[in-house]
Amino acid sequence: MTDSELVWKKLADIETLLKELRTLVDIDKIGRDIKEERFAAHTLQLAIQNALDICSHIISDERLGEPVTNQELFSILERHGWLQPDLAPRLRNMAGFRNVLVHAYDRLDLNILVDVLRHRLTDLDGFVSAIRRGLSARPS
């Protein structure tokens, strides 16, 4: 059975990180201010990592499969009704971008970072909503 309390806490962490990205980052300074860039990249990395941790937790506790990649975590939750089919591919892209943030930071394309900050944070909002719905629908 999924540890709902842990998942709820991680969902709240994602919301806090998204709020910080929306209110504390001056997107127009990215590329000119290393502190702005690093804060944005690291905060986004943390938000995505929390989503991956939630997926791993649910998949493990519910015995939904054995993911090989981070992207597969979202596919498994989609197959089992936790995520909508239109949201899962966008989240798989987020997982791929998280890998760039962690493993290839020196090659980070700032245009992609800016695009994610401007247009893709709602994908993480959608993840939070979907997981909350899934938790609420499960027996206690």
N, C-alpha and C. Protein backbone atom coordinates (compact mmCIF):
# COMPACT_ATOMS: atom_id res chain seq x y z
N MET A 1 0.84 -1.18 0.00
CA MET A 1 0.00 0.00 0.00
C MET A 1 0.88 1.25 0.00
N THR A 2 0.52 2.21 -0.78
CA THR A 2 1.30 3.43 -0.92
C THR A 2 1.26 4.25 0.37
N ASP A 3 2.40 4.73 0.78
CA ASP A 3 2.51 5.61 1.95
C ASP A 3 2.01 6.99 1.53
N SER A 4 0.72 7.21 1.69
CA SER A 4 0.08 8.45 1.23
C SER A 4 0.69 9.68 1.87
N GLU A 5 1.02 9.59 3.15
CA GLU A 5 1.59 10.75 3.85
C GLU A 5 2.89 11.21 3.19
N LEU A 6 3.75 10.27 2.84
CA LEU A 6 4.99 10.61 2.16
C LEU A 6 4.72 11.25 0.80
N VAL A 7 3.80 10.67 0.06
CA VAL A 7 3.49 11.20 -1.27
C VAL A 7 2.88 12.59 -1.16
N TRP A 8 1.97 12.80 -0.22
CA TRP A 8 1.37 14.12 -0.04
C TRP A 8 2.45 15.17 0.28
N LYS A 9 3.43 14.79 1.11
CA LYS A 9 4.51 15.70 1.46
C LYS A 9 5.33 16.06 0.22
N LYS A 10 5.65 15.08 -0.59
CA LYS A 10 6.44 15.34 -1.79
C LYS A 10 5.64 16.17 -2.80
N LEU A 11 4.34 15.97 -2.87
CA LEU A 11 3.50 16.80 -3.73
C LEU A 11 3.54 18.26 -3.27
N ALA A 12 3.48 18.46 -1.96
CA ALA A 12 3.57 19.82 -1.41
C ALA A 12 4.93 20.42 -1.72
N ASP A 13 5.98 19.61 -1.65
CA ASP A 13 7.32 20.10 -2.00
C ASP A 13 7.37 20.57 -3.44
N ILE A 14 6.77 19.80 -4.35
CA ILE A 14 6.74 20.21 -5.76
C ILE A 14 6.03 21.55 -5.90
N GLU A 15 4.89 21.69 -5.23
CA GLU A 15 4.15 22.95 -5.32
C GLU A 15 4.98 24.12 -4.81
N THR A 16 5.70 23.92 -3.72
CA THR A 16 6.57 24.98 -3.18
C THR A 16 7.65 25.34 -4.18
N LEU A 17 8.28 24.33 -4.77
CA LEU A 17 9.34 24.58 -5.74
C LEU A 17 8.80 25.30 -6.98
N LEU A 18 7.62 24.91 -7.44
CA LEU A 18 7.01 25.59 -8.59
C LEU A 18 6.69 27.04 -8.26
N LYS A 19 6.20 27.28 -7.05
CA LYS A 19 5.92 28.65 -6.64
C LYS A 19 7.21 29.48 -6.64
N GLU A 20 8.29 28.89 -6.14
CA GLU A 20 9.58 29.59 -6.14
C GLU A 20 10.05 29.88 -7.56
N LEU A 21 9.89 28.92 -8.46
CA LEU A 21 10.28 29.15 -9.85
C LEU A 21 9.47 30.29 -10.47
N ARG A 22 8.19 30.35 -10.12
CA ARG A 22 7.32 31.37 -10.70
C ARG A 22 7.51 32.75 -10.08
N THR A 23 7.92 32.79 -8.83
CA THR A 23 7.98 34.10 -8.14
C THR A 23 9.39 34.62 -7.91
N LEU A 24 10.36 33.73 -7.83
CA LEU A 24 11.71 34.17 -7.49
C LEU A 24 12.66 34.25 -8.68
N VAL A 25 12.34 33.57 -9.77
CA VAL A 25 13.23 33.56 -10.93
C VAL A 25 12.86 34.70 -11.87
N ASP A 26 13.87 35.47 -12.24
CA ASP A 26 13.72 36.48 -13.29
C ASP A 26 14.23 35.84 -14.57
N ILE A 27 13.31 35.31 -15.35
CA ILE A 27 13.67 34.55 -16.55
C ILE A 27 14.53 35.38 -17.50
N ASP A 28 14.28 36.67 -17.57
CA ASP A 28 15.03 37.52 -18.49
C ASP A 28 16.51 37.64 -18.11
N LYS A 29 16.86 37.27 -16.88
CA LYS A 29 18.27 37.34 -16.47
C LYS A 29 19.04 36.06 -16.76
N ILE A 30 18.32 35.00 -17.11
CA ILE A 30 19.00 33.73 -17.40
C ILE A 30 19.88 33.94 -18.63
N GLY A 31 21.10 33.51 -18.50
CA GLY A 31 22.08 33.72 -19.56
C GLY A 31 22.99 34.91 -19.28
N ARG A 32 22.55 35.78 -18.38
CA ARG A 32 23.36 36.95 -18.00
C ARG A 32 23.74 36.93 -16.53
N ASP A 33 23.01 36.16 -15.74
CA ASP A 33 23.25 36.11 -14.30
C ASP A 33 23.35 34.64 -13.88
N ILE A 34 24.54 34.20 -13.56
CA ILE A 34 24.79 32.80 -13.24
C ILE A 34 23.99 32.34 -12.02
N LYS A 35 23.79 33.24 -11.05
CA LYS A 35 23.00 32.86 -9.87
C LYS A 35 21.56 32.59 -10.25
N GLU A 36 21.02 33.41 -11.11
CA GLU A 36 19.63 33.23 -11.56
C GLU A 36 19.50 31.89 -12.31
N GLU A 37 20.44 31.66 -13.20
CA GLU A 37 20.44 30.44 -14.00
C GLU A 37 20.55 29.20 -13.12
N ARG A 38 21.50 29.22 -12.20
CA ARG A 38 21.70 28.04 -11.36
C ARG A 38 20.54 27.82 -10.40
N PHE A 39 19.98 28.90 -9.86
CA PHE A 39 18.82 28.74 -8.98
C PHE A 39 17.67 28.12 -9.75
N ALA A 40 17.41 28.63 -10.95
CA ALA A 40 16.31 28.12 -11.76
C ALA A 40 16.54 26.65 -12.11
N ALA A 41 17.73 26.33 -12.58
CA ALA A 41 18.02 24.96 -13.00
C ALA A 41 17.95 23.99 -11.82
N HIS A 42 18.53 24.38 -10.71
CA HIS A 42 18.54 23.47 -9.57
C HIS A 42 17.14 23.30 -8.96
N THR A 43 16.39 24.36 -8.88
CA THR A 43 15.04 24.28 -8.33
C THR A 43 14.15 23.43 -9.23
N LEU A 44 14.29 23.60 -10.54
CA LEU A 44 13.55 22.76 -11.47
C LEU A 44 13.95 21.30 -11.33
N GLN A 45 15.25 21.06 -11.20
CA GLN A 45 15.75 19.69 -11.00
C GLN A 45 15.11 19.06 -9.77
N LEU A 46 15.04 19.81 -8.68
CA LEU A 46 14.43 19.29 -7.45
C LEU A 46 12.95 18.96 -7.65
N ALA A 47 12.23 19.82 -8.35
CA ALA A 47 10.81 19.58 -8.59
C ALA A 47 10.61 18.30 -9.40
N ILE A 48 11.40 18.14 -10.46
CA ILE A 48 11.28 16.95 -11.29
C ILE A 48 11.69 15.71 -10.50
N GLN A 49 12.75 15.83 -9.71
CA GLN A 49 13.20 14.68 -8.91
C GLN A 49 12.12 14.25 -7.92
N ASN A 50 11.43 15.19 -7.33
CA ASN A 50 10.33 14.83 -6.43
C ASN A 50 9.25 14.06 -7.17
N ALA A 51 8.95 14.48 -8.40
CA ALA A 51 7.95 13.75 -9.20
C ALA A 51 8.43 12.33 -9.48
N LEU A 52 9.70 12.18 -9.82
CA LEU A 52 10.25 10.85 -10.07
C LEU A 52 10.21 9.99 -8.80
N ASP A 53 10.54 10.60 -7.67
CA ASP A 53 10.49 9.87 -6.40
C ASP A 53 9.07 9.38 -6.09
N ILE A 54 8.10 10.23 -6.35
CA ILE A 54 6.70 9.85 -6.13
C ILE A 54 6.34 8.67 -7.02
N CYS A 55 6.71 8.76 -8.29
CA CYS A 55 6.43 7.66 -9.22
C CYS A 55 7.05 6.36 -8.72
N SER A 56 8.32 6.43 -8.36
CA SER A 56 9.03 5.23 -7.88
C SER A 56 8.34 4.63 -6.66
N HIS A 57 7.93 5.51 -5.77
CA HIS A 57 7.27 5.05 -4.55
C HIS A 57 5.96 4.33 -4.87
N ILE A 58 5.14 4.95 -5.69
CA ILE A 58 3.84 4.34 -6.03
C ILE A 58 4.05 3.03 -6.77
N ILE A 59 4.94 3.02 -7.74
CA ILE A 59 5.17 1.82 -8.54
C ILE A 59 5.67 0.68 -7.66
N SER A 60 6.57 0.98 -6.75
CA SER A 60 7.10 -0.04 -5.86
C SER A 60 6.03 -0.56 -4.91
N ASP A 61 5.35 0.37 -4.24
CA ASP A 61 4.35 -0.04 -3.25
C ASP A 61 3.16 -0.77 -3.86
N GLU A 62 2.78 -0.35 -5.05
CA GLU A 62 1.62 -0.97 -5.71
C GLU A 62 2.04 -2.16 -6.58
N ARG A 63 3.34 -2.40 -6.66
CA ARG A 63 3.89 -3.50 -7.48
C ARG A 63 3.38 -3.43 -8.91
N LEU A 64 3.66 -2.27 -9.53
CA LEU A 64 3.16 -2.02 -10.88
C LEU A 64 4.15 -2.37 -11.97
N GLY A 65 5.37 -2.69 -11.61
CA GLY A 65 6.35 -3.04 -12.64
C GLY A 65 7.76 -2.70 -12.21
N GLU A 66 8.68 -2.92 -13.12
CA GLU A 66 10.10 -2.67 -12.88
C GLU A 66 10.61 -1.69 -13.93
N PRO A 67 10.56 -0.40 -13.65
CA PRO A 67 11.03 0.58 -14.65
C PRO A 67 12.54 0.48 -14.84
N VAL A 68 12.97 0.69 -16.06
CA VAL A 68 14.39 0.68 -16.40
C VAL A 68 14.94 2.10 -16.45
N THR A 69 14.12 3.04 -16.88
CA THR A 69 14.54 4.43 -17.02
C THR A 69 13.60 5.34 -16.23
N ASN A 70 14.05 6.56 -16.01
CA ASN A 70 13.17 7.54 -15.36
C ASN A 70 11.93 7.82 -16.20
N GLN A 71 12.10 7.89 -17.52
CA GLN A 71 10.96 8.16 -18.39
C GLN A 71 9.89 7.07 -18.25
N GLU A 72 10.35 5.84 -18.05
CA GLU A 72 9.41 4.72 -17.94
C GLU A 72 8.53 4.80 -16.70
N LEU A 73 9.01 5.51 -15.68
CA LEU A 73 8.19 5.68 -14.47
C LEU A 73 6.84 6.29 -14.84
N PHE A 74 6.86 7.32 -15.69
CA PHE A 74 5.61 7.98 -16.07
C PHE A 74 4.77 7.08 -16.97
N SER A 75 5.41 6.28 -17.81
CA SER A 75 4.67 5.35 -18.68
C SER A 75 3.92 4.32 -17.85
N ILE A 76 4.57 3.80 -16.82
CA ILE A 76 3.93 2.79 -15.97
C ILE A 76 2.72 3.40 -15.26
N LEU A 77 2.87 4.61 -14.72
CA LEU A 77 1.73 5.24 -14.04
C LEU A 77 0.60 5.54 -15.04
N GLU A 78 0.97 5.87 -16.26
CA GLU A 78 -0.06 6.08 -17.29
C GLU A 78 -0.82 4.77 -17.55
N ARG A 79 -0.10 3.69 -17.72
CA ARG A 79 -0.74 2.38 -17.99
C ARG A 79 -1.67 1.95 -16.88
N HIS A 80 -1.38 2.37 -15.67
CA HIS A 80 -2.19 1.96 -14.52
C HIS A 80 -3.19 3.03 -14.08
N GLY A 81 -3.42 4.01 -14.94
CA GLY A 81 -4.48 4.97 -14.71
C GLY A 81 -4.16 6.14 -13.78
N TRP A 82 -2.91 6.26 -13.36
CA TRP A 82 -2.54 7.38 -12.49
C TRP A 82 -2.36 8.67 -13.28
N LEU A 83 -1.92 8.56 -14.52
CA LEU A 83 -1.65 9.74 -15.36
C LEU A 83 -2.45 9.67 -16.65
N GLN A 84 -2.90 10.83 -17.12
CA GLN A 84 -3.64 10.91 -18.36
C GLN A 84 -2.68 10.70 -19.54
N PRO A 85 -3.19 10.08 -20.62
CA PRO A 85 -2.35 9.81 -21.79
C PRO A 85 -1.72 11.05 -22.41
N ASP A 86 -2.36 12.20 -22.31
CA ASP A 86 -1.79 13.42 -22.90
C ASP A 86 -0.70 14.03 -22.01
N LEU A 87 -0.72 13.73 -20.72
CA LEU A 87 0.26 14.30 -19.79
C LEU A 87 1.54 13.47 -19.72
N ALA A 88 1.42 12.18 -19.79
CA ALA A 88 2.58 11.30 -19.60
C ALA A 88 3.75 11.60 -20.55
N PRO A 89 3.53 11.84 -21.84
CA PRO A 89 4.68 12.13 -22.72
C PRO A 89 5.40 13.42 -22.33
N ARG A 90 4.66 14.40 -21.88
CA ARG A 90 5.30 15.66 -21.46
C ARG A 90 6.14 15.45 -20.21
N LEU A 91 5.66 14.59 -19.32
CA LEU A 91 6.42 14.27 -18.11
C LEU A 91 7.65 13.43 -18.45
N ARG A 92 7.54 12.55 -19.44
CA ARG A 92 8.72 11.80 -19.88
C ARG A 92 9.79 12.77 -20.40
N ASN A 93 9.36 13.80 -21.11
CA ASN A 93 10.31 14.82 -21.56
C ASN A 93 10.95 15.54 -20.38
N MET A 94 10.16 15.81 -19.34
CA MET A 94 10.70 16.44 -18.12
C MET A 94 11.77 15.56 -17.51
N ALA A 95 11.52 14.26 -17.46
CA ALA A 95 12.51 13.34 -16.89
C ALA A 95 13.79 13.38 -17.71
N GLY A 96 13.67 13.44 -19.01
CA GLY A 96 14.85 13.55 -19.86
C GLY A 96 15.60 14.85 -19.62
N PHE A 97 14.86 15.93 -19.43
CA PHE A 97 15.50 17.22 -19.16
C PHE A 97 16.18 17.21 -17.80
N ARG A 98 15.59 16.52 -16.84
CA ARG A 98 16.22 16.39 -15.52
C ARG A 98 17.58 15.71 -15.65
N ASN A 99 17.66 14.72 -16.53
CA ASN A 99 18.94 14.05 -16.75
C ASN A 99 20.00 15.02 -17.28
N VAL A 100 19.59 15.91 -18.16
CA VAL A 100 20.51 16.94 -18.67
C VAL A 100 20.94 17.85 -17.52
N LEU A 101 19.98 18.27 -16.70
CA LEU A 101 20.30 19.16 -15.58
C LEU A 101 21.31 18.52 -14.63
N VAL A 102 21.18 17.22 -14.42
CA VAL A 102 22.05 16.52 -13.47
C VAL A 102 23.38 16.13 -14.09
N HIS A 103 23.33 15.54 -15.28
CA HIS A 103 24.51 14.89 -15.83
C HIS A 103 25.25 15.69 -16.90
N ALA A 104 24.61 16.67 -17.46
CA ALA A 104 25.25 17.42 -18.55
C ALA A 104 25.04 18.91 -18.38
N TYR A 105 25.13 19.35 -17.13
CA TYR A 105 24.86 20.76 -16.85
C TYR A 105 25.73 21.68 -17.67
N ASP A 106 26.96 21.27 -17.94
CA ASP A 106 27.87 22.11 -18.71
C ASP A 106 27.40 22.27 -20.15
N ARG A 107 26.47 21.43 -20.59
CA ARG A 107 25.93 21.53 -21.95
C ARG A 107 24.46 21.96 -21.95
N LEU A 108 24.00 22.51 -20.86
CA LEU A 108 22.60 22.93 -20.74
C LEU A 108 22.28 24.02 -21.75
N ASP A 109 21.25 23.78 -22.54
CA ASP A 109 20.78 24.78 -23.50
C ASP A 109 19.84 25.73 -22.74
N LEU A 110 20.31 26.95 -22.54
CA LEU A 110 19.52 27.91 -21.75
C LEU A 110 18.20 28.25 -22.41
N ASN A 111 18.11 28.14 -23.73
CA ASN A 111 16.84 28.39 -24.41
C ASN A 111 15.80 27.35 -24.00
N ILE A 112 16.24 26.11 -23.82
CA ILE A 112 15.31 25.06 -23.37
C ILE A 112 14.90 25.32 -21.93
N LEU A 113 15.86 25.69 -21.08
CA LEU A 113 15.53 26.01 -19.69
C LEU A 113 14.48 27.12 -19.64
N VAL A 114 14.68 28.16 -20.40
CA VAL A 114 13.73 29.28 -20.43
C VAL A 114 12.37 28.81 -20.94
N ASP A 115 12.37 27.99 -21.98
CA ASP A 115 11.10 27.50 -22.52
C ASP A 115 10.36 26.66 -21.48
N VAL A 116 11.08 25.81 -20.77
CA VAL A 116 10.44 25.00 -19.72
C VAL A 116 9.86 25.91 -18.65
N LEU A 117 10.62 26.91 -18.22
CA LEU A 117 10.14 27.82 -17.18
C LEU A 117 8.92 28.61 -17.63
N ARG A 118 8.88 28.97 -18.89
CA ARG A 118 7.75 29.76 -19.40
C ARG A 118 6.53 28.93 -19.76
N HIS A 119 6.75 27.69 -20.23
CA HIS A 119 5.64 26.96 -20.84
C HIS A 119 5.37 25.56 -20.30
N ARG A 120 6.26 24.99 -19.50
CA ARG A 120 6.12 23.59 -19.14
C ARG A 120 5.91 23.34 -17.65
N LEU A 121 5.97 24.36 -16.83
CA LEU A 121 5.75 24.15 -15.40
C LEU A 121 4.34 23.61 -15.14
N THR A 122 3.42 23.94 -16.02
CA THR A 122 2.05 23.43 -15.87
C THR A 122 2.00 21.91 -15.99
N ASP A 123 2.99 21.31 -16.65
CA ASP A 123 3.03 19.84 -16.72
C ASP A 123 3.24 19.26 -15.32
N LEU A 124 4.07 19.91 -14.53
CA LEU A 124 4.28 19.46 -13.15
C LEU A 124 3.05 19.74 -12.29
N ASP A 125 2.36 20.85 -12.56
CA ASP A 125 1.07 21.10 -11.88
C ASP A 125 0.09 19.97 -12.19
N GLY A 126 0.06 19.56 -13.45
CA GLY A 126 -0.82 18.47 -13.87
C GLY A 126 -0.46 17.16 -13.19
N PHE A 127 0.83 16.93 -13.02
CA PHE A 127 1.28 15.73 -12.31
C PHE A 127 0.76 15.75 -10.88
N VAL A 128 0.93 16.87 -10.20
CA VAL A 128 0.47 16.98 -8.81
C VAL A 128 -1.03 16.70 -8.73
N SER A 129 -1.80 17.30 -9.63
CA SER A 129 -3.26 17.09 -9.62
C SER A 129 -3.61 15.63 -9.89
N ALA A 130 -2.94 15.02 -10.84
CA ALA A 130 -3.24 13.63 -11.19
C ALA A 130 -2.94 12.68 -10.03
N ILE A 131 -1.81 12.89 -9.37
CA ILE A 131 -1.45 12.01 -8.26
C ILE A 131 -2.40 12.23 -7.09
N ARG A 132 -2.78 13.47 -6.85
CA ARG A 132 -3.77 13.73 -5.78
C ARG A 132 -5.08 13.02 -6.07
N ARG A 133 -5.53 13.08 -7.32
CA ARG A 133 -6.76 12.37 -7.69
C ARG A 133 -6.60 10.88 -7.47
N GLY A 134 -5.45 10.35 -7.88
CA GLY A 134 -5.20 8.92 -7.71
C GLY A 134 -5.19 8.50 -6.25
N LEU A 135 -4.56 9.30 -5.42
CA LEU A 135 -4.53 9.00 -3.98
C LEU A 135 -5.92 9.05 -3.37
N SER A 136 -6.70 10.05 -3.77
CA SER A 136 -8.03 10.23 -3.23
C SER A 136 -8.96 9.08 -3.63
N ALA A 137 -8.71 8.49 -4.81
CA ALA A 137 -9.56 7.41 -5.31
C ALA A 137 -9.20 6.05 -4.71
N ARG A 138 -8.04 5.95 -4.09
CA ARG A 138 -7.59 4.69 -3.51
C ARG A 138 -8.19 4.50 -2.12
N PRO A 139 -8.51 3.26 -1.77
CA PRO A 139 -9.01 2.99 -0.42
C PRO A 139 -7.91 3.29 0.62
N SER A 140 -8.31 3.78 1.75
CA SER A 140 -7.35 4.11 2.82
C SER A 140 -6.88 2.88 3.55
